C-alpha atoms as a PDB file:
ATOM      1  CA  MET A   1     -45.962 -40.010 -19.921  1.00  0.00           C
ATOM      2  CA  LYS A   2     -46.378 -40.470 -16.176  1.00  0.00           C
ATOM      3  CA  LEU A   3     -44.791 -42.918 -13.767  1.00  0.00           C
ATOM      4  CA  GLN A   4     -48.313 -43.800 -12.668  1.00  0.00           C
ATOM      5  CA  GLN A   5     -49.098 -45.029 -16.194  1.00  0.00           C
ATOM      6  CA  LEU A   6     -46.023 -47.269 -16.228  1.00  0.00           C
ATOM      7  CA  LYS A   7     -46.975 -48.581 -12.793  1.00  0.00           C
ATOM      8  CA  TYR A   8     -50.467 -49.430 -14.081  1.00  0.00           C
ATOM      9  CA  LEU A   9     -49.007 -51.056 -17.182  1.00  0.00           C
ATOM     10  CA  LEU A  10     -46.821 -53.401 -15.147  1.00  0.00           C
ATOM     11  CA  ALA A  11     -49.670 -54.190 -12.759  1.00  0.00           C
ATOM     12  CA  ILE A  12     -51.807 -55.296 -15.712  1.00  0.00           C
ATOM     13  CA  VAL A  13     -49.068 -57.587 -16.982  1.00  0.00           C
ATOM     14  CA  ASP A  14     -48.329 -58.981 -13.513  1.00  0.00           C
ATOM     15  CA  ASN A  15     -52.031 -59.771 -12.973  1.00  0.00           C
ATOM     16  CA  GLY A  16     -52.473 -61.854 -16.120  1.00  0.00           C
ATOM     17  CA  LEU A  17     -53.791 -58.956 -18.250  1.00  0.00           C
ATOM     18  CA  ASN A  18     -56.777 -58.709 -15.887  1.00  0.00           C
ATOM     19  CA  ILE A  19     -57.479 -54.997 -15.479  1.00  0.00           C
ATOM     20  CA  THR A  20     -59.925 -55.538 -12.614  1.00  0.00           C
ATOM     21  CA  ALA A  21     -57.344 -57.573 -10.657  1.00  0.00           C
ATOM     22  CA  ALA A  22     -54.702 -54.925 -11.399  1.00  0.00           C
ATOM     23  CA  ALA A  23     -57.033 -52.199 -10.101  1.00  0.00           C
ATOM     24  CA  ASP A  24     -57.660 -54.167  -6.913  1.00  0.00           C
ATOM     25  CA  ARG A  25     -53.921 -54.619  -6.384  1.00  0.00           C
ATOM     26  CA  LEU A  26     -53.393 -50.879  -6.840  1.00  0.00           C
ATOM     27  CA  TYR A  27     -56.370 -49.939  -4.631  1.00  0.00           C
ATOM     28  CA  THR A  28     -57.935 -47.955  -7.455  1.00  0.00           C
ATOM     29  CA  SER A  29     -60.815 -48.341  -9.908  1.00  0.00           C
ATOM     30  CA  GLN A  30     -60.928 -50.465 -13.060  1.00  0.00           C
ATOM     31  CA  PRO A  31     -62.089 -47.513 -15.242  1.00  0.00           C
ATOM     32  CA  GLY A  32     -59.189 -45.434 -13.925  1.00  0.00           C
ATOM     33  CA  VAL A  33     -56.637 -48.081 -14.932  1.00  0.00           C
ATOM     34  CA  SER A  34     -58.255 -48.497 -18.363  1.00  0.00           C
ATOM     35  CA  LYS A  35     -58.215 -44.752 -18.938  1.00  0.00           C
ATOM     36  CA  GLN A  36     -54.518 -44.423 -18.075  1.00  0.00           C
ATOM     37  CA  LEU A  37     -53.639 -47.371 -20.348  1.00  0.00           C
ATOM     38  CA  LYS A  38     -55.543 -45.725 -23.204  1.00  0.00           C
ATOM     39  CA  LEU A  39     -53.784 -42.384 -22.619  1.00  0.00           C
ATOM     40  CA  LEU A  40     -50.396 -44.120 -22.598  1.00  0.00           C
ATOM     41  CA  GLU A  41     -51.063 -45.919 -25.893  1.00  0.00           C
ATOM     42  CA  GLU A  42     -52.322 -42.696 -27.477  1.00  0.00           C
ATOM     43  CA  GLU A  43     -49.225 -40.770 -26.368  1.00  0.00           C
ATOM     44  CA  LEU A  44     -46.858 -43.474 -27.644  1.00  0.00           C
ATOM     45  CA  GLY A  45     -48.828 -44.096 -30.821  1.00  0.00           C
ATOM     46  CA  LEU A  46     -48.524 -47.821 -30.135  1.00  0.00           C
ATOM     47  CA  GLN A  47     -50.917 -50.637 -29.327  1.00  0.00           C
ATOM     48  CA  LEU A  48     -49.437 -52.404 -26.341  1.00  0.00           C
ATOM     49  CA  PHE A  49     -52.044 -55.181 -26.082  1.00  0.00           C
ATOM     50  CA  THR A  50     -54.276 -57.094 -28.452  1.00  0.00           C
ATOM     51  CA  ARG A  51     -57.985 -56.960 -27.607  1.00  0.00           C
ATOM     52  CA  LYS A  52     -60.750 -59.545 -27.344  1.00  0.00           C
ATOM     53  CA  GLY A  53     -63.829 -57.401 -27.025  1.00  0.00           C
ATOM     54  CA  LYS A  54     -63.375 -55.399 -23.837  1.00  0.00           C
ATOM     55  CA  SER A  55     -60.692 -57.732 -22.522  1.00  0.00           C
ATOM     56  CA  LEU A  56     -56.957 -57.830 -23.239  1.00  0.00           C
ATOM     57  CA  GLY A  57     -55.887 -60.813 -25.331  1.00  0.00           C
ATOM     58  CA  GLY A  58     -52.098 -60.594 -25.321  1.00  0.00           C
ATOM     59  CA  VAL A  59     -49.040 -58.353 -25.443  1.00  0.00           C
ATOM     60  CA  THR A  60     -47.940 -56.958 -28.803  1.00  0.00           C
ATOM     61  CA  ALA A  61     -44.325 -56.989 -29.963  1.00  0.00           C
ATOM     62  CA  ALA A  62     -44.115 -53.260 -29.326  1.00  0.00           C
ATOM     63  CA  GLY A  63     -45.735 -53.825 -25.926  1.00  0.00           C
ATOM     64  CA  GLU A  64     -43.013 -56.320 -24.955  1.00  0.00           C
ATOM     65  CA  LYS A  65     -40.323 -53.691 -25.605  1.00  0.00           C
ATOM     66  CA  VAL A  66     -42.201 -50.982 -23.697  1.00  0.00           C
ATOM     67  CA  ILE A  67     -42.832 -53.299 -20.749  1.00  0.00           C
ATOM     68  CA  GLU A  68     -39.152 -54.243 -20.630  1.00  0.00           C
ATOM     69  CA  ARG A  69     -38.165 -50.567 -20.466  1.00  0.00           C
ATOM     70  CA  ALA A  70     -40.922 -49.776 -17.964  1.00  0.00           C
ATOM     71  CA  ARG A  71     -39.547 -52.404 -15.566  1.00  0.00           C
ATOM     72  CA  ILE A  72     -36.098 -50.818 -15.763  1.00  0.00           C
ATOM     73  CA  ILE A  73     -37.557 -47.362 -15.104  1.00  0.00           C
ATOM     74  CA  MET A  74     -39.644 -48.473 -12.120  1.00  0.00           C
ATOM     75  CA  GLN A  75     -36.666 -50.352 -10.677  1.00  0.00           C
ATOM     76  CA  GLU A  76     -34.665 -47.128 -10.870  1.00  0.00           C
ATOM     77  CA  VAL A  77     -37.526 -45.308  -9.147  1.00  0.00           C
ATOM     78  CA  ASP A  78     -37.292 -47.839  -6.304  1.00  0.00           C
ATOM     79  CA  ASN A  79     -33.525 -47.333  -6.223  1.00  0.00           C
ATOM     80  CA  ILE A  80     -33.992 -43.554  -5.936  1.00  0.00           C
ATOM     81  CA  ARG A  81     -36.476 -44.015  -3.095  1.00  0.00           C
ATOM     82  CA  SER A  82     -34.026 -46.302  -1.334  1.00  0.00           C
ATOM     83  CA  LEU A  83     -31.226 -43.773  -1.851  1.00  0.00           C
ATOM     84  CA  ALA A  84     -33.406 -40.992  -0.462  1.00  0.00           C
ATOM     85  CA  SER A  85     -34.270 -43.133   2.559  1.00  0.00           C
ATOM     86  CA  ASP A  86     -30.600 -43.902   3.187  1.00  0.00           C
ATOM     87  CA  TYR A  87     -29.739 -40.209   2.834  1.00  0.00           C
ATOM     88  CA  PHE A  88     -32.486 -39.257   5.276  1.00  0.00           C
ATOM     89  CA  GLN A  89     -31.252 -41.806   7.817  1.00  0.00           C
ATOM     90  CA  GLU A  90     -27.619 -40.698   7.608  1.00  0.00           C
ATOM     91  CA  GLU A  91     -26.204 -39.531  10.914  1.00  0.00           C
ATOM     92  CA  GLU A  92     -23.194 -37.695   9.521  1.00  0.00           C
ATOM     93  CA  GLY A  93     -23.089 -34.267   7.960  1.00  0.00           C
ATOM     94  CA  SER A  94     -23.320 -30.655   9.041  1.00  0.00           C
ATOM     95  CA  LEU A  95     -25.952 -28.283  10.372  1.00  0.00           C
ATOM     96  CA  SER A  96     -25.710 -24.491  10.162  1.00  0.00           C
ATOM     97  CA  ILE A  97     -27.978 -22.353  12.327  1.00  0.00           C
ATOM     98  CA  ALA A  98     -28.354 -18.575  12.387  1.00  0.00           C
ATOM     99  CA  THR A  99     -29.969 -16.993  15.427  1.00  0.00           C
ATOM    100  CA  THR A 100     -29.876 -14.130  17.886  1.00  0.00           C
ATOM    101  CA  HIS A 101     -27.580 -13.883  20.894  1.00  0.00           C
ATOM    102  CA  THR A 102     -30.421 -14.520  23.333  1.00  0.00           C
ATOM    103  CA  GLN A 103     -31.344 -17.812  21.646  1.00  0.00           C
ATOM    104  CA  ALA A 104     -27.698 -18.880  21.335  1.00  0.00           C
ATOM    105  CA  ARG A 105     -26.830 -17.988  24.923  1.00  0.00           C
ATOM    106  CA  TYR A 106     -29.937 -18.916  26.884  1.00  0.00           C
ATOM    107  CA  VAL A 107     -32.074 -21.358  24.870  1.00  0.00           C
ATOM    108  CA  LEU A 108     -29.857 -23.460  22.615  1.00  0.00           C
ATOM    109  CA  PRO A 109     -27.125 -24.792  24.959  1.00  0.00           C
ATOM    110  CA  ASP A 110     -29.236 -27.625  26.433  1.00  0.00           C
ATOM    111  CA  ILE A 111     -30.785 -28.414  23.044  1.00  0.00           C
ATOM    112  CA  ILE A 112     -27.415 -28.537  21.302  1.00  0.00           C
ATOM    113  CA  GLY A 113     -26.004 -30.638  24.126  1.00  0.00           C
ATOM    114  CA  GLU A 114     -28.712 -33.274  23.652  1.00  0.00           C
ATOM    115  CA  PHE A 115     -28.388 -33.061  19.867  1.00  0.00           C
ATOM    116  CA  ARG A 116     -24.642 -33.738  20.107  1.00  0.00           C
ATOM    117  CA  GLU A 117     -25.299 -36.827  22.219  1.00  0.00           C
ATOM    118  CA  ARG A 118     -27.644 -38.172  19.553  1.00  0.00           C
ATOM    119  CA  PHE A 119     -25.559 -37.172  16.539  1.00  0.00           C
ATOM    120  CA  PRO A 120     -21.887 -36.910  17.527  1.00  0.00           C
ATOM    121  CA  LYS A 121     -20.746 -37.034  13.885  1.00  0.00           C
ATOM    122  CA  VAL A 122     -22.763 -33.992  12.787  1.00  0.00           C
ATOM    123  CA  GLY A 123     -20.766 -30.772  12.659  1.00  0.00           C
ATOM    124  CA  LEU A 124     -22.596 -27.733  14.053  1.00  0.00           C
ATOM    125  CA  ASN A 125     -22.100 -24.141  12.932  1.00  0.00           C
ATOM    126  CA  LEU A 126     -23.838 -21.448  14.984  1.00  0.00           C
ATOM    127  CA  HIS A 127     -24.038 -17.903  13.612  1.00  0.00           C
ATOM    128  CA  GLN A 128     -25.336 -14.977  15.647  1.00  0.00           C
ATOM    129  CA  GLY A 129     -26.822 -11.705  14.480  1.00  0.00           C
ATOM    130  CA  THR A 130     -29.806  -9.400  14.334  1.00  0.00           C
ATOM    131  CA  SER A 131     -32.906 -10.382  12.368  1.00  0.00           C
ATOM    132  CA  GLU A 132     -31.593  -8.379   9.407  1.00  0.00           C
ATOM    133  CA  GLN A 133     -28.223 -10.143   9.539  1.00  0.00           C
ATOM    134  CA  ILE A 134     -29.908 -13.536   9.794  1.00  0.00           C
ATOM    135  CA  ALA A 135     -32.017 -12.660   6.747  1.00  0.00           C
ATOM    136  CA  ASP A 136     -28.799 -11.851   4.843  1.00  0.00           C
ATOM    137  CA  MET A 137     -27.404 -15.296   5.731  1.00  0.00           C
ATOM    138  CA  VAL A 138     -30.620 -16.889   4.480  1.00  0.00           C
ATOM    139  CA  ALA A 139     -30.370 -14.928   1.221  1.00  0.00           C
ATOM    140  CA  ALA A 140     -26.756 -16.056   0.784  1.00  0.00           C
ATOM    141  CA  ASN A 141     -27.824 -19.694   1.262  1.00  0.00           C
ATOM    142  CA  ASP A 142     -25.323 -20.055   4.103  1.00  0.00           C
ATOM    143  CA  ILE A 143     -27.550 -21.748   6.673  1.00  0.00           C
ATOM    144  CA  ASP A 144     -29.971 -24.647   7.132  1.00  0.00           C
ATOM    145  CA  PHE A 145     -32.131 -23.195   9.924  1.00  0.00           C
ATOM    146  CA  ALA A 146     -32.936 -19.668  11.053  1.00  0.00           C
ATOM    147  CA  ILE A 147     -34.233 -19.005  14.562  1.00  0.00           C
ATOM    148  CA  ALA A 148     -35.653 -15.591  15.357  1.00  0.00           C
ATOM    149  CA  THR A 149     -38.614 -13.718  16.801  1.00  0.00           C
ATOM    150  CA  GLY A 150     -41.147 -11.827  14.686  1.00  0.00           C
ATOM    151  CA  SER A 151     -39.775 -10.062  11.585  1.00  0.00           C
ATOM    152  CA  LYS A 152     -41.670 -12.487   9.321  1.00  0.00           C
ATOM    153  CA  ASP A 153     -41.539  -9.997   6.459  1.00  0.00           C
ATOM    154  CA  LEU A 154     -37.770 -10.536   6.271  1.00  0.00           C
ATOM    155  CA  PHE A 155     -38.097 -14.275   5.722  1.00  0.00           C
ATOM    156  CA  GLY A 156     -40.541 -14.780   2.875  1.00  0.00           C
ATOM    157  CA  ASP A 157     -38.461 -17.659   1.467  1.00  0.00           C
ATOM    158  CA  LEU A 158     -38.669 -19.711   4.659  1.00  0.00           C
ATOM    159  CA  MET A 159     -41.273 -22.001   6.190  1.00  0.00           C
ATOM    160  CA  LEU A 160     -41.605 -20.651   9.735  1.00  0.00           C
ATOM    161  CA  VAL A 161     -42.588 -23.066  12.509  1.00  0.00           C
ATOM    162  CA  PRO A 162     -43.854 -21.264  15.662  1.00  0.00           C
ATOM    163  CA  SER A 163     -41.879 -22.698  18.562  1.00  0.00           C
ATOM    164  CA  TYR A 164     -42.603 -20.892  21.832  1.00  0.00           C
ATOM    165  CA  HIS A 165     -43.801 -17.640  23.423  1.00  0.00           C
ATOM    166  CA  TRP A 166     -41.864 -15.346  25.739  1.00  0.00           C
ATOM    167  CA  ASP A 167     -42.387 -12.140  27.681  1.00  0.00           C
ATOM    168  CA  ARG A 168     -39.956  -9.432  28.727  1.00  0.00           C
ATOM    169  CA  SER A 169     -38.310  -9.014  32.103  1.00  0.00           C
ATOM    170  CA  ILE A 170     -37.073  -5.845  33.776  1.00  0.00           C
ATOM    171  CA  ILE A 171     -33.509  -5.997  35.124  1.00  0.00           C
ATOM    172  CA  VAL A 172     -32.368  -3.562  37.832  1.00  0.00           C
ATOM    173  CA  PRO A 173     -29.597  -3.389  40.446  1.00  0.00           C
ATOM    174  CA  LYS A 174     -30.495  -4.847  43.848  1.00  0.00           C
ATOM    175  CA  GLY A 175     -32.472  -2.430  45.976  1.00  0.00           C
ATOM    176  CA  HIS A 176     -33.615  -0.313  43.027  1.00  0.00           C
ATOM    177  CA  GLU A 177     -36.681   1.876  43.591  1.00  0.00           C
ATOM    178  CA  LEU A 178     -38.769  -0.255  41.221  1.00  0.00           C
ATOM    179  CA  THR A 179     -38.286  -3.261  43.509  1.00  0.00           C
ATOM    180  CA  GLN A 180     -39.756  -1.354  46.454  1.00  0.00           C
ATOM    181  CA  LEU A 181     -43.172  -0.766  44.922  1.00  0.00           C
ATOM    182  CA  ASP A 182     -46.088  -2.521  46.617  1.00  0.00           C
ATOM    183  CA  ARG A 183     -47.881  -2.868  43.305  1.00  0.00           C
ATOM    184  CA  ARG A 184     -47.276  -3.989  39.755  1.00  0.00           C
ATOM    185  CA  VAL A 185     -44.729  -1.982  37.766  1.00  0.00           C
ATOM    186  CA  THR A 186     -46.342   0.021  34.956  1.00  0.00           C
ATOM    187  CA  LEU A 187     -45.067   1.542  31.728  1.00  0.00           C
ATOM    188  CA  HIS A 188     -45.479   4.952  33.384  1.00  0.00           C
ATOM    189  CA  ASP A 189     -43.061   3.779  36.077  1.00  0.00           C
ATOM    190  CA  LEU A 190     -40.522   2.618  33.516  1.00  0.00           C
ATOM    191  CA  ALA A 191     -40.812   5.832  31.513  1.00  0.00           C
ATOM    192  CA  LYS A 192     -39.356   7.738  34.480  1.00  0.00           C
ATOM    193  CA  TYR A 193     -35.984   6.010  34.041  1.00  0.00           C
ATOM    194  CA  PRO A 194     -33.401   5.770  31.280  1.00  0.00           C
ATOM    195  CA  LEU A 195     -33.789   2.397  29.560  1.00  0.00           C
ATOM    196  CA  VAL A 196     -31.267  -0.123  28.281  1.00  0.00           C
ATOM    197  CA  THR A 197     -32.620  -2.720  25.852  1.00  0.00           C
ATOM    198  CA  TYR A 198     -32.187  -4.592  22.579  1.00  0.00           C
ATOM    199  CA  VAL A 199     -31.280  -3.026  19.258  1.00  0.00           C
ATOM    200  CA  PHE A 200     -34.484  -2.062  17.487  1.00  0.00           C
ATOM    201  CA  SER A 201     -35.336  -3.593  14.135  1.00  0.00           C
ATOM    202  CA  PHE A 202     -34.824  -1.320  11.140  1.00  0.00           C
ATOM    203  CA  GLY A 203     -38.108  -2.466   9.632  1.00  0.00           C
ATOM    204  CA  GLY A 204     -41.215  -1.024  11.270  1.00  0.00           C
ATOM    205  CA  GLN A 205     -41.815   0.098  14.850  1.00  0.00           C
ATOM    206  CA  SER A 206     -40.678  -2.178  17.649  1.00  0.00           C
ATOM    207  CA  SER A 207     -43.327  -3.713  19.893  1.00  0.00           C
ATOM    208  CA  LEU A 208     -41.582  -2.130  22.897  1.00  0.00           C
ATOM    209  CA  LYS A 209     -41.789   1.391  21.528  1.00  0.00           C
ATOM    210  CA  ARG A 210     -45.333   0.776  20.345  1.00  0.00           C
ATOM    211  CA  ALA A 211     -46.415  -0.285  23.865  1.00  0.00           C
ATOM    212  CA  PHE A 212     -45.131   3.011  25.295  1.00  0.00           C
ATOM    213  CA  ALA A 213     -46.637   5.045  22.443  1.00  0.00           C
ATOM    214  CA  GLU A 214     -50.072   3.537  23.063  1.00  0.00           C
ATOM    215  CA  GLU A 215     -49.864   4.924  26.599  1.00  0.00           C
ATOM    216  CA  GLY A 216     -48.804   8.350  25.277  1.00  0.00           C
ATOM    217  CA  LEU A 217     -45.271   7.853  26.594  1.00  0.00           C
ATOM    218  CA  ASP A 218     -41.916   8.581  24.979  1.00  0.00           C
ATOM    219  CA  PRO A 219     -39.327   6.280  26.631  1.00  0.00           C
ATOM    220  CA  ASP A 220     -35.777   7.479  27.165  1.00  0.00           C
ATOM    221  CA  VAL A 221     -33.800   4.642  25.536  1.00  0.00           C
ATOM    222  CA  VAL A 222     -30.197   5.583  26.284  1.00  0.00           C
ATOM    223  CA  PHE A 223     -28.434   2.427  25.115  1.00  0.00           C
ATOM    224  CA  THR A 224     -29.227  -0.562  22.884  1.00  0.00           C
ATOM    225  CA  ALA A 225     -27.339  -3.789  22.261  1.00  0.00           C
ATOM    226  CA  ARG A 226     -28.118  -7.120  20.630  1.00  0.00           C
ATOM    227  CA  ASP A 227     -26.499  -9.009  23.509  1.00  0.00           C
ATOM    228  CA  ALA A 228     -28.476  -9.426  26.763  1.00  0.00           C
ATOM    229  CA  ASP A 229     -25.234  -9.860  28.723  1.00  0.00           C
ATOM    230  CA  VAL A 230     -24.029  -6.473  27.445  1.00  0.00           C
ATOM    231  CA  ILE A 231     -27.346  -4.924  28.520  1.00  0.00           C
ATOM    232  CA  LYS A 232     -26.856  -6.367  32.020  1.00  0.00           C
ATOM    233  CA  THR A 233     -23.325  -4.973  32.156  1.00  0.00           C
ATOM    234  CA  TYR A 234     -24.603  -1.444  31.569  1.00  0.00           C
ATOM    235  CA  VAL A 235     -27.424  -1.929  34.070  1.00  0.00           C
ATOM    236  CA  ARG A 236     -24.761  -2.817  36.620  1.00  0.00           C
ATOM    237  CA  MET A 237     -22.935   0.391  35.694  1.00  0.00           C
ATOM    238  CA  GLY A 238     -26.063   2.361  36.563  1.00  0.00           C
ATOM    239  CA  LEU A 239     -26.711   3.472  33.003  1.00  0.00           C
ATOM    240  CA  GLY A 240     -30.404   2.593  33.201  1.00  0.00           C
ATOM    241  CA  VAL A 241     -33.144   0.022  33.718  1.00  0.00           C
ATOM    242  CA  GLY A 242     -32.736  -3.055  31.523  1.00  0.00           C
ATOM    243  CA  ILE A 243     -35.505  -4.669  29.487  1.00  0.00           C
ATOM    244  CA  VAL A 244     -34.608  -8.124  28.168  1.00  0.00           C
ATOM    245  CA  ALA A 245     -36.227 -11.351  27.024  1.00  0.00           C
ATOM    246  CA  SER A 246     -37.456 -13.420  29.951  1.00  0.00           C
ATOM    247  CA  MET A 247     -35.091 -16.269  28.982  1.00  0.00           C
ATOM    248  CA  ALA A 248     -32.153 -13.969  29.765  1.00  0.00           C
ATOM    249  CA  ALA A 249     -33.113 -13.774  33.460  1.00  0.00           C
ATOM    250  CA  ASP A 250     -30.177 -15.914  34.598  1.00  0.00           C
ATOM    251  CA  CYS A 251     -29.892 -17.272  38.135  1.00  0.00           C
ATOM    252  CA  ALA A 252     -26.202 -16.334  38.116  1.00  0.00           C
ATOM    253  CA  ASP A 253     -27.202 -12.653  37.972  1.00  0.00           C
ATOM    254  CA  LYS A 254     -29.086 -12.610  41.265  1.00  0.00           C
ATOM    255  CA  LYS A 255     -25.926 -11.716  43.232  1.00  0.00           C
ATOM    256  CA  ASP A 256     -26.228  -8.088  42.219  1.00  0.00           C
ATOM    257  CA  LEU A 257     -29.334  -7.783  40.038  1.00  0.00           C
ATOM    258  CA  GLN A 258     -33.055  -8.222  40.584  1.00  0.00           C
ATOM    259  CA  VAL A 259     -35.585  -9.276  37.991  1.00  0.00           C
ATOM    260  CA  ILE A 260     -39.093  -7.853  37.798  1.00  0.00           C
ATOM    261  CA  ASP A 261     -41.661  -9.902  35.897  1.00  0.00           C
ATOM    262  CA  GLY A 262     -42.754  -7.855  32.875  1.00  0.00           C
ATOM    263  CA  GLU A 263     -45.588 -10.113  31.718  1.00  0.00           C
ATOM    264  CA  GLY A 264     -48.425  -8.042  30.297  1.00  0.00           C
ATOM    265  CA  LEU A 265     -46.437  -4.821  29.987  1.00  0.00           C
ATOM    266  CA  PHE A 266     -45.447  -5.570  26.416  1.00  0.00           C
ATOM    267  CA  PRO A 267     -46.956  -7.781  23.694  1.00  0.00           C
ATOM    268  CA  ARG A 268     -46.023 -11.446  24.098  1.00  0.00           C
ATOM    269  CA  SER A 269     -43.429 -12.508  21.518  1.00  0.00           C
ATOM    270  CA  THR A 270     -43.231 -15.721  19.483  1.00  0.00           C
ATOM    271  CA  THR A 271     -39.975 -17.356  18.442  1.00  0.00           C
ATOM    272  CA  TRP A 272     -39.930 -19.550  15.333  1.00  0.00           C
ATOM    273  CA  ILE A 273     -37.543 -21.881  13.536  1.00  0.00           C
ATOM    274  CA  GLY A 274     -37.493 -21.682   9.749  1.00  0.00           C
ATOM    275  CA  PHE A 275     -36.104 -23.557   6.757  1.00  0.00           C
ATOM    276  CA  ARG A 276     -36.340 -23.127   2.990  1.00  0.00           C
ATOM    277  CA  LYS A 277     -39.314 -24.449   1.057  1.00  0.00           C
ATOM    278  CA  ASP A 278     -37.023 -26.586  -1.107  1.00  0.00           C
ATOM    279  CA  SER A 279     -34.964 -28.001   1.773  1.00  0.00           C
ATOM    280  CA  VAL A 280     -34.314 -31.735   1.950  1.00  0.00           C
ATOM    281  CA  LEU A 281     -34.412 -32.427   5.684  1.00  0.00           C
ATOM    282  CA  ARG A 282     -32.287 -35.311   6.877  1.00  0.00           C
ATOM    283  CA  ARG A 283     -33.230 -37.225   9.998  1.00  0.00           C
ATOM    284  CA  TYR A 284     -30.910 -35.266  12.260  1.00  0.00           C
ATOM    285  CA  MET A 285     -32.485 -32.042  10.969  1.00  0.00           C
ATOM    286  CA  PHE A 286     -35.947 -33.362  11.811  1.00  0.00           C
ATOM    287  CA  ASP A 287     -34.687 -34.233  15.289  1.00  0.00           C
ATOM    288  CA  PHE A 288     -33.206 -30.787  15.817  1.00  0.00           C
ATOM    289  CA  VAL A 289     -36.517 -29.112  15.003  1.00  0.00           C
ATOM    290  CA  ARG A 290     -38.331 -31.403  17.420  1.00  0.00           C
ATOM    291  CA  LEU A 291     -35.762 -30.762  20.161  1.00  0.00           C
ATOM    292  CA  PHE A 292     -36.234 -27.029  19.709  1.00  0.00           C
ATOM    293  CA  ALA A 293     -40.028 -27.281  19.442  1.00  0.00           C
ATOM    294  CA  PRO A 294     -41.110 -30.516  21.203  1.00  0.00           C
ATOM    295  CA  HIS A 295     -44.802 -29.754  20.654  1.00  0.00           C
ATOM    296  CA  VAL A 296     -44.304 -30.227  16.893  1.00  0.00           C
ATOM    297  CA  SER A 297     -45.049 -33.877  16.106  1.00  0.00           C
ATOM    298  CA  ALA A 298     -43.383 -35.702  13.224  1.00  0.00           C
ATOM    299  CA  ARG A 299     -46.711 -35.726  11.385  1.00  0.00           C
ATOM    300  CA  LEU A 300     -47.205 -31.983  11.904  1.00  0.00           C
ATOM    301  CA  LEU A 301     -43.695 -31.314  10.634  1.00  0.00           C
ATOM    302  CA  GLU A 302     -44.484 -33.331   7.504  1.00  0.00           C
ATOM    303  CA  ASP A 303     -47.603 -31.190   7.043  1.00  0.00           C
ATOM    304  CA  VAL A 304     -45.406 -28.087   7.307  1.00  0.00           C
ATOM    305  CA  ARG A 305     -43.097 -29.438   4.607  1.00  0.00           C
ATOM    306  CA  ARG A 306     -46.068 -30.019   2.292  1.00  0.00           C
ATOM    307  CA  ALA A 307     -47.578 -26.585   2.908  1.00  0.00           C
ATOM    308  CA  ARG A 308     -47.538 -24.225  -0.052  1.00  0.00           C
ATOM    309  CA  SER A 309     -47.476 -20.980   1.897  1.00  0.00           C
ATOM    310  CA  GLN A 310     -46.862 -19.495   5.335  1.00  0.00           C
ATOM    311  CA  THR A 311     -50.598 -18.882   5.567  1.00  0.00           C
ATOM    312  CA  GLU A 312     -51.183 -22.648   5.409  1.00  0.00           C
ATOM    313  CA  ILE A 313     -48.566 -23.203   8.122  1.00  0.00           C
ATOM    314  CA  ASP A 314     -50.151 -20.561  10.359  1.00  0.00           C
ATOM    315  CA  GLU A 315     -53.469 -22.343   9.875  1.00  0.00           C
ATOM    316  CA  LEU A 316     -51.887 -25.620  11.034  1.00  0.00           C
ATOM    317  CA  PHE A 317     -50.852 -23.939  14.300  1.00  0.00           C
ATOM    318  CA  LYS A 318     -53.864 -21.705  14.879  1.00  0.00           C
ATOM    319  CA  ASP A 319     -55.129 -23.877  17.770  1.00  0.00           C
ATOM    320  CA  ALA A 320     -51.719 -24.988  19.044  1.00  0.00           C
ATOM    321  CA  GLU A 321     -50.769 -24.132  22.614  1.00  0.00           C
ATOM    322  CA  LEU A 322     -47.151 -23.070  22.388  1.00  0.00           C
ATOM    323  CA  PRO A 323     -44.941 -23.395  25.473  1.00  0.00           C
ATOM    324  CA  LEU A 324     -44.040 -20.227  27.389  1.00  0.00           C
ATOM    325  CA  ARG A 325     -40.331 -19.845  28.083  1.00  0.00           C
ATOM    326  CA  GLY A 326     -38.984 -17.931  31.043  1.00  0.00           C
ATOM    327  CA  GLY A 327     -35.704 -17.590  32.886  1.00  0.00           C
ATOM    328  CA  CYS A 328     -34.478 -18.271  36.392  1.00  0.00           C
ATOM    329  CA  ALA A 329     -37.340 -18.031  38.893  1.00  0.00           C
ATOM    330  CA  ASP A 330     -35.102 -17.214  41.851  1.00  0.00           C
ATOM    331  CA  GLY A 331     -35.117 -13.553  42.768  1.00  0.00           C
ATOM    332  CA  ILE A 332     -37.876 -12.638  40.307  1.00  0.00           C
ATOM    333  CA  ILE A 333     -40.386 -10.138  41.631  1.00  0.00           C
ATOM    334  CA  GLU A 334     -43.770 -11.332  40.393  1.00  0.00           C
ATOM    335  CA  ALA A 335     -46.201  -8.928  38.802  1.00  0.00           C
ATOM    336  CA  ALA A 336     -48.972  -8.122  41.272  1.00  0.00           C
END
């Protein structure tokens, strides 16, 4: 028995047992309504209407009872829809997000600030970690949204919405030799110096190492950290040349550091926001996604929710022009 069959049954009764009128009211075909009525009677083993040729003559005693129950059921369906709508519109609750330090420190502050203005009664929980640690939080069902870059193989249970692109920037102390070049910095230039960069993923080769390997270079990575501010600290100490996400090029650092634009040196990265396939997104969750990825329309987000696989989602975004995020422009040495 299907809700659609009960809906058709009530439409027939409410339109004076006229199947054609019921079909018109339901924006469907008369044969389709007749077929569903027949299937319902066959499943119940009851005749709900008396017949006069091909027309319905009246409601049987059994039909009266079934119709009475069907009205109760469809009223409860409407109540559930209303409850779901109220739940969606609620502006109180909690939101747990797991992300990397770079996102938490350099991307999310403005977004969270605006979100708090819109939804002051929503409690926010922000967890930081590597991609592997974020994946563990997802597996433990501890979070609502995950925000990370790449590592899609770790997040097979999530629907990943591509949000923006970013490049890498090279961080050096003021006056460093690399800032004196009259040409674009190359990977061969970087390979001459000890490097300080992010912790590499345990799964597969990092895009940074792969870029050097494709040039036949073996970089001297002397220190890794998951925190861009820690990387900058060790650059200041003279430990090496820093390579960080472009968003981490902070204007506050220009007192003693210089930033060299690394666009094109390494593969461009894409950050995504993900949620579980079975998630029920409340309105404030929808708004958070759209604050983080403004190019994602409400309709597109609904299409993402209905998608059956990540492949379908990737297809939705195949022609999308994602924004490119950078950091502070002041003091950045542009690539030639």
